[in-house]
């Protein structure tokens, strides 16, 4: 079939007639000739309207779904905001507790270091009561500790438990601070208490009444004479402040140290002084060199301990260690 014949065939067969048939048989049937182009236009218009209708309906449905989803998300946001407001105090408490725990760890480290130093200075005889070492300003029962938190614990219960834990930690910190203060006070007293030998040697003349080798009569020997070689270092037996460092009749070159607790120590017959008045000295620090100045028959260290000005026997202090 040639192209011309095909065109004629399509032109002949693509024309339509519209028949209008009434319900009554008496009325004539009417027909209306519809060209192919018009029919196609009508069909296209109908299809376009159907497409627009279904597309619009789909958009309306999608908008409804979006609105429902937005509403659900708004409710979720509102719920999460409310939960955040409830959680915020718990988070703040948790942060405070972490800080409190950090302070306690630092305080515990200071306690351990101080206690170690005190034990070394005092010896094994030291004893601090409660928990092995704790002395609380007020009793605090372990039964008041917060109960363990389970995964099902409510937020309110968690907040309550954190509040109890915070209270416990504060009481614990106060107790540890009190103990640290007591240990530091004990350490201060130990540092300022005469407790070592001024020179590692032996006693050649004890405290008490003795026959004086120069005066040739019995008089009170107010300290100890400790054997020493000429120029041997003489050490402070406790922390303190030098209250005298010069020549004194009978003592020769003398160093006197005020320990701030009513005790003073004297170191006499030195060949050379290594400190000056007002100087802070530490236990074990060299303060003089041994000699035989003053009323002495040979080099030695004359060592005195005075309690509020009264000479007392230094031997018990030498036996502290």
Foldseek 3Di string as FASTA:
>chain_A
DDPVVVVVVCQVPQKDKDWDDDPDPVDDIDIHTHGNVRVVVVVVVVVVVVVVVVVVVVVVVVVVVVVVVVVVVVVVVVVVVVVCVLCVLVVVLVVVLVVLVVVVVVLVVLVVVLVVLLCVLQPPPDFADDPRHWDAPDDDDPVQQQDDDDPPDDSVSSSVNSVSNSVVSVSVVVRSVVSSVVSVVSSLVSQLFQAAFQDPAAFPAFFAWDQQPVVRHTDGQLFTWGDDDFFAFGWDRHKFFWADAQQDAQFGGKTWGDSPPQKIKMKGQFPFADDDGGDTDTHGDTGTTWFHGHPGPTTTITMFMGRNRHTDGCVVSNPSD
